[in-house]
Amino acid sequence: MKVLLTRPEGRNQSMVDALHERGIANWVTPLLSVQATPALDTHTPHPLDAADMIICISANAVSFAAKALNASDSSLTAWPTAQYFAVGHATWEALQQFSISALEAPDDCQQTEGLLTLAPLQQIQGKKITIIRGVGGRETLAQQLTARGAHLRYWEVYQRGCPRLDGRLTVQQWQDFGVDTIVITSGEILHNLIHLVPKELFAWLRSCHIIVPSNRVAAQAHAFGLTQVTNANAANSNAVLNALKL
C-alpha cells in the first residue's frame, strides 16, 4: 500500500506520522488551498455577538476564526461565552487548543447529519446560533436548525481554492511512486482530484482505493465513476487508519 494524502498544506502531518509508524509509504500533494477572508466591518455587529451556540465546521474554521479574533482591527478580541459544537474530532481538538470545551458529532457519523442528532440541538426554538465555516459550505445544517426554530448566522472565515498543479506531471509522479490508495477528506478535494487527472489517465484513478469521509462524498465518488470507495465515516486520522485496516 502506498497512500496519497491530499489535505491542505500543513494539515497532513498527523497522518504522515501515523503511516510512518506503521511502515506505510505515503506521498503528500495538497489538493485544496485555504486563505483568510477579508476582515469584517467593525461598524457592524460581530457574527459571534450574543450567540447562544457556536458551531465550528472544521479545524480550518477554528484556526482562521482565532486569527481573526486576534487581529488588531477585530471588533471582538476573544472567544465569547457560548455552547460550542464541533462537526469532527479534529475540529474538537482545535477548539481544545483554545481551552474551549465542545460537543462533537458521534464517532460513527462525524458530519452534519451526526451533529444534528445531538440532544442540545433538538429544542432550540429562539436560540441564536452562529456557524463558523468557509465560504460556500453546505446549507443542510443551517436549514435543519432554522426548521427547528433557531436564528442562524454565518461567519465565513476562509475561502477554498485549488492549488495550481500540472495534472499530467502530478499524476505521473503519483504513478512513479506507486500510489494505489488516496485519502479524500472533503467533497472539494474530490472535485479537485477529478478535474486534475487527465481523461487518458482516469483508468489509473479508477484502479485506486479511495478513502472518503462520509456517505455524501462516497456518493459523489461513485457518480464520478470511482468504484473502489471506502467510507471512513469521518476525516480524522483514527477513522482513516481504521478504513485502511491499520
Protein backbone atom coordinates (compact mmCIF):
# COMPACT_ATOMS: atom_id res chain seq x y z
CA MET A 1 0.00 0.00 0.00
CA LYS A 2 1.23 3.48 -0.93
CA VAL A 3 -1.00 6.31 0.20
CA LEU A 4 -1.63 9.74 -1.28
CA LEU A 5 -2.57 12.42 1.29
CA THR A 6 -4.42 15.44 -0.08
CA ARG A 7 -5.40 17.75 2.78
CA PRO A 8 -4.42 21.45 2.57
CA GLU A 9 -0.85 22.49 3.32
CA GLY A 10 0.06 21.86 6.95
CA ARG A 11 -2.87 19.52 7.65
CA ASN A 12 -1.33 16.18 6.66
CA GLN A 13 1.36 15.73 9.31
CA SER A 14 -0.64 13.60 11.75
CA MET A 15 -1.42 11.09 9.01
CA VAL A 16 2.18 11.18 7.75
CA ASP A 17 3.40 10.35 11.25
CA ALA A 18 0.82 7.60 11.74
CA LEU A 19 1.64 5.97 8.41
CA HIS A 20 5.39 6.17 9.03
CA GLU A 21 4.91 4.46 12.41
CA ARG A 22 3.20 1.61 10.56
CA GLY A 23 5.78 1.43 7.79
CA ILE A 24 3.35 2.63 5.12
CA ALA A 25 4.85 4.75 2.32
CA ASN A 26 2.99 7.97 1.58
CA TRP A 27 3.09 10.97 -0.73
CA VAL A 28 1.65 14.41 0.11
CA THR A 29 0.04 16.60 -2.54
CA PRO A 30 -2.38 19.21 -1.13
CA LEU A 31 -5.43 19.36 -3.41
CA LEU A 32 -7.11 22.19 -1.53
CA SER A 33 -5.79 25.60 -0.58
CA VAL A 34 -7.34 27.83 2.06
CA GLN A 35 -6.88 31.50 2.82
CA ALA A 36 -8.49 34.00 5.15
CA THR A 37 -11.46 36.05 4.03
CA PRO A 38 -11.27 39.87 4.31
CA ALA A 39 -11.65 41.39 7.77
CA LEU A 40 -15.17 42.16 8.96
CA ASP A 41 -16.57 45.65 9.01
CA THR A 42 -16.02 46.82 12.59
CA HIS A 43 -19.07 49.10 12.39
CA THR A 44 -21.49 46.16 12.19
CA PRO A 45 -22.28 43.59 14.90
CA HIS A 46 -19.82 40.71 15.01
CA PRO A 47 -21.32 37.34 13.96
CA LEU A 48 -20.39 35.85 17.35
CA ASP A 49 -22.03 38.65 19.35
CA ALA A 50 -24.80 37.33 21.64
CA ALA A 51 -24.58 33.82 20.18
CA ASP A 52 -26.07 31.11 22.40
CA MET A 53 -24.41 28.37 20.39
CA ILE A 54 -21.36 28.37 18.09
CA ILE A 55 -20.79 25.56 15.61
CA CYS A 56 -17.37 25.09 14.03
CA ILE A 57 -17.44 23.16 10.78
CA SER A 58 -13.73 22.33 10.53
CA ALA A 59 -10.31 22.76 12.11
CA ASN A 60 -9.66 25.42 9.49
CA ALA A 61 -12.73 27.28 10.73
CA VAL A 62 -11.31 27.30 14.26
CA SER A 63 -7.83 28.33 13.12
CA PHE A 64 -8.92 31.19 10.90
CA ALA A 65 -11.51 32.40 13.41
CA ALA A 66 -8.82 32.53 16.11
CA LYS A 67 -6.54 34.55 13.84
CA ALA A 68 -9.37 36.95 13.04
CA LEU A 69 -10.20 37.41 16.73
CA ASN A 70 -6.55 38.22 17.45
CA ALA A 71 -6.33 40.80 14.67
CA SER A 72 -5.93 44.39 15.80
CA ASP A 73 -8.89 45.56 13.70
CA SER A 74 -11.36 42.99 15.10
CA SER A 75 -14.41 44.27 16.97
CA LEU A 76 -14.31 41.08 19.08
CA THR A 77 -10.98 40.01 20.56
CA ALA A 78 -11.75 36.73 22.34
CA TRP A 79 -13.91 33.64 22.01
CA PRO A 80 -17.23 34.54 23.67
CA THR A 81 -19.03 32.50 26.29
CA ALA A 82 -21.41 30.14 24.49
CA GLN A 83 -22.10 26.46 23.94
CA TYR A 84 -19.67 25.17 21.32
CA PHE A 85 -20.05 22.32 18.85
CA ALA A 86 -17.54 20.63 16.53
CA VAL A 87 -18.53 18.62 13.49
CA GLY A 88 -15.50 16.30 13.75
CA HIS A 89 -12.84 15.25 16.22
CA ALA A 90 -10.09 17.29 14.55
CA THR A 91 -12.28 20.36 14.98
CA TRP A 92 -12.92 19.41 18.61
CA GLU A 93 -9.15 19.14 19.16
CA ALA A 94 -8.61 22.54 17.52
CA LEU A 95 -11.06 24.13 19.96
CA GLN A 96 -9.33 22.38 22.87
CA GLN A 97 -6.15 24.28 21.99
CA PHE A 98 -8.02 27.44 22.99
CA SER A 99 -9.36 25.82 26.18
CA ILE A 100 -12.85 25.60 24.66
CA SER A 101 -14.92 22.57 25.60
CA ALA A 102 -17.20 21.48 22.79
CA LEU A 103 -19.63 18.71 21.93
CA GLU A 104 -18.76 16.79 18.79
CA ALA A 105 -20.72 14.68 16.33
CA PRO A 106 -20.93 10.95 17.20
CA ASP A 107 -17.91 8.83 16.29
CA ASP A 108 -19.91 6.80 13.78
CA CYS A 109 -21.16 9.87 11.91
CA GLN A 110 -18.75 12.79 12.18
CA GLN A 111 -20.53 15.07 9.76
CA THR A 112 -23.51 17.41 9.63
CA GLU A 113 -26.05 14.59 9.91
CA GLY A 114 -24.36 13.25 13.04
CA LEU A 115 -24.13 16.67 14.67
CA LEU A 116 -27.87 17.18 14.16
CA THR A 117 -28.60 14.15 16.35
CA LEU A 118 -27.05 15.72 19.48
CA ALA A 119 -29.57 16.34 22.25
CA PRO A 120 -28.74 20.06 22.83
CA LEU A 121 -29.57 20.79 19.18
CA GLN A 122 -33.10 19.41 19.34
CA GLN A 123 -35.04 22.01 21.36
CA ILE A 124 -33.52 25.24 20.05
CA GLN A 125 -36.54 27.47 19.41
CA GLY A 126 -35.35 31.09 19.54
CA LYS A 127 -31.68 30.20 20.08
CA LYS A 128 -29.08 32.36 18.35
CA ILE A 129 -26.62 30.08 16.56
CA THR A 130 -23.54 31.10 14.61
CA ILE A 131 -21.90 28.66 12.20
CA ILE A 132 -18.19 29.28 11.58
CA ARG A 133 -17.18 27.89 8.21
CA GLY A 134 -15.52 28.53 4.86
CA VAL A 135 -17.20 30.42 2.05
CA GLY A 136 -19.82 28.39 0.24
CA GLY A 137 -20.23 25.42 2.56
CA ARG A 138 -23.20 23.08 2.70
CA GLU A 139 -26.56 24.57 3.69
CA THR A 140 -28.03 21.41 5.24
CA LEU A 141 -27.04 22.28 8.81
CA ALA A 142 -28.44 25.81 8.68
CA GLN A 143 -31.64 24.61 7.01
CA GLN A 144 -32.28 21.96 9.65
CA LEU A 145 -31.50 24.27 12.58
CA THR A 146 -33.69 27.01 11.13
CA ALA A 147 -36.51 24.48 10.74
CA ARG A 148 -36.14 23.75 14.45
CA GLY A 149 -36.68 27.44 15.24
CA ALA A 150 -33.14 28.75 15.67
CA HIS A 151 -31.88 32.13 14.43
CA LEU A 152 -28.87 31.43 12.22
CA ARG A 153 -25.82 33.49 11.27
CA TYR A 154 -22.69 32.56 9.38
CA TRP A 155 -19.14 33.70 10.00
CA GLU A 156 -17.23 32.68 6.89
CA VAL A 157 -13.58 32.97 7.91
CA TYR A 158 -11.77 31.31 5.00
CA GLN A 159 -12.17 30.55 1.34
CA ARG A 160 -11.10 27.48 -0.58
CA GLY A 161 -9.24 27.15 -3.83
CA CYS A 162 -7.39 24.59 -5.91
CA PRO A 163 -3.58 24.70 -5.88
CA ARG A 164 -2.02 25.26 -9.29
CA LEU A 165 -0.78 21.87 -10.45
CA ASP A 166 0.16 20.34 -13.78
CA GLY A 167 -2.25 17.42 -13.95
CA ARG A 168 -0.20 15.19 -16.23
CA LEU A 169 3.08 15.77 -14.35
CA THR A 170 1.46 15.38 -10.94
CA VAL A 171 -0.29 12.12 -11.80
CA GLN A 172 2.93 10.81 -13.35
CA GLN A 173 4.71 11.47 -10.04
CA TRP A 174 2.00 9.59 -8.17
CA GLN A 175 2.22 6.66 -10.57
CA ASP A 176 6.03 6.56 -10.39
CA PHE A 177 5.79 6.47 -6.60
CA GLY A 178 3.27 3.65 -6.82
CA VAL A 179 0.25 5.37 -5.27
CA ASP A 180 -2.63 2.91 -5.01
CA THR A 181 -4.65 4.48 -2.19
CA ILE A 182 -5.94 8.08 -1.99
CA VAL A 183 -7.29 9.75 1.14
CA ILE A 184 -10.01 12.32 0.39
CA THR A 185 -11.34 14.33 3.33
CA SER A 186 -13.90 16.59 1.65
CA GLY A 187 -16.09 16.94 -1.40
CA GLU A 188 -13.99 19.89 -2.57
CA ILE A 189 -10.82 17.79 -2.56
CA LEU A 190 -12.59 15.05 -4.51
CA HIS A 191 -13.79 17.60 -7.06
CA ASN A 192 -10.27 18.99 -7.46
CA LEU A 193 -8.82 15.48 -7.85
CA ILE A 194 -11.30 14.56 -10.56
CA HIS A 195 -10.57 17.71 -12.52
CA LEU A 196 -6.81 17.36 -12.11
CA VAL A 197 -6.48 13.86 -13.57
CA PRO A 198 -6.35 13.90 -17.41
CA LYS A 199 -9.03 11.79 -19.10
CA GLU A 200 -6.48 9.40 -20.58
CA LEU A 201 -5.19 8.63 -17.04
CA PHE A 202 -8.59 8.19 -15.45
CA ALA A 203 -8.37 4.39 -15.68
CA TRP A 204 -5.45 4.57 -13.25
CA LEU A 205 -7.55 6.64 -10.84
CA ARG A 206 -10.38 4.10 -11.03
CA SER A 207 -7.88 1.41 -10.04
CA CYS A 208 -7.03 3.24 -6.80
CA HIS A 209 -8.67 2.64 -3.42
CA ILE A 210 -10.38 5.91 -2.46
CA ILE A 211 -10.99 6.71 1.23
CA VAL A 212 -13.78 9.27 1.81
CA PRO A 213 -15.19 10.87 4.98
CA SER A 214 -18.95 10.45 4.52
CA ASN A 215 -21.82 8.86 2.62
CA ARG A 216 -22.27 12.12 0.74
CA VAL A 217 -18.71 12.16 -0.59
CA ALA A 218 -18.89 8.42 -1.29
CA ALA A 219 -21.94 9.05 -3.47
CA GLN A 220 -20.08 11.81 -5.28
CA ALA A 221 -17.11 9.49 -5.88
CA HIS A 222 -19.38 6.80 -7.33
CA ALA A 223 -21.06 9.41 -9.53
CA PHE A 224 -17.63 10.31 -10.93
CA GLY A 225 -17.10 6.66 -11.89
CA LEU A 226 -14.90 5.58 -8.99
CA THR A 227 -15.74 2.11 -7.71
CA GLN A 228 -13.17 1.17 -5.05
CA VAL A 229 -14.50 3.56 -2.42
CA THR A 230 -14.45 3.12 1.36
CA ASN A 231 -16.36 5.43 3.70
CA ALA A 232 -14.33 6.16 6.85
CA ASN A 233 -17.35 7.97 8.37
CA ALA A 234 -15.05 10.81 9.48
CA ALA A 235 -11.99 12.74 8.31
CA ASN A 236 -9.78 12.33 11.38
CA SER A 237 -6.65 10.17 11.40
CA ASN A 238 -8.11 7.35 13.51
CA ALA A 239 -11.09 6.97 11.21
CA VAL A 240 -8.86 6.93 8.13
CA LEU A 241 -6.49 4.40 9.70
CA ASN A 242 -9.44 2.16 10.52
CA ALA A 243 -10.69 2.43 6.95
CA LEU A 244 -7.22 1.43 5.77
CA LYS A 245 -7.35 -1.50 8.23
CA LEU A 246 -4.26 -0.16 10.01
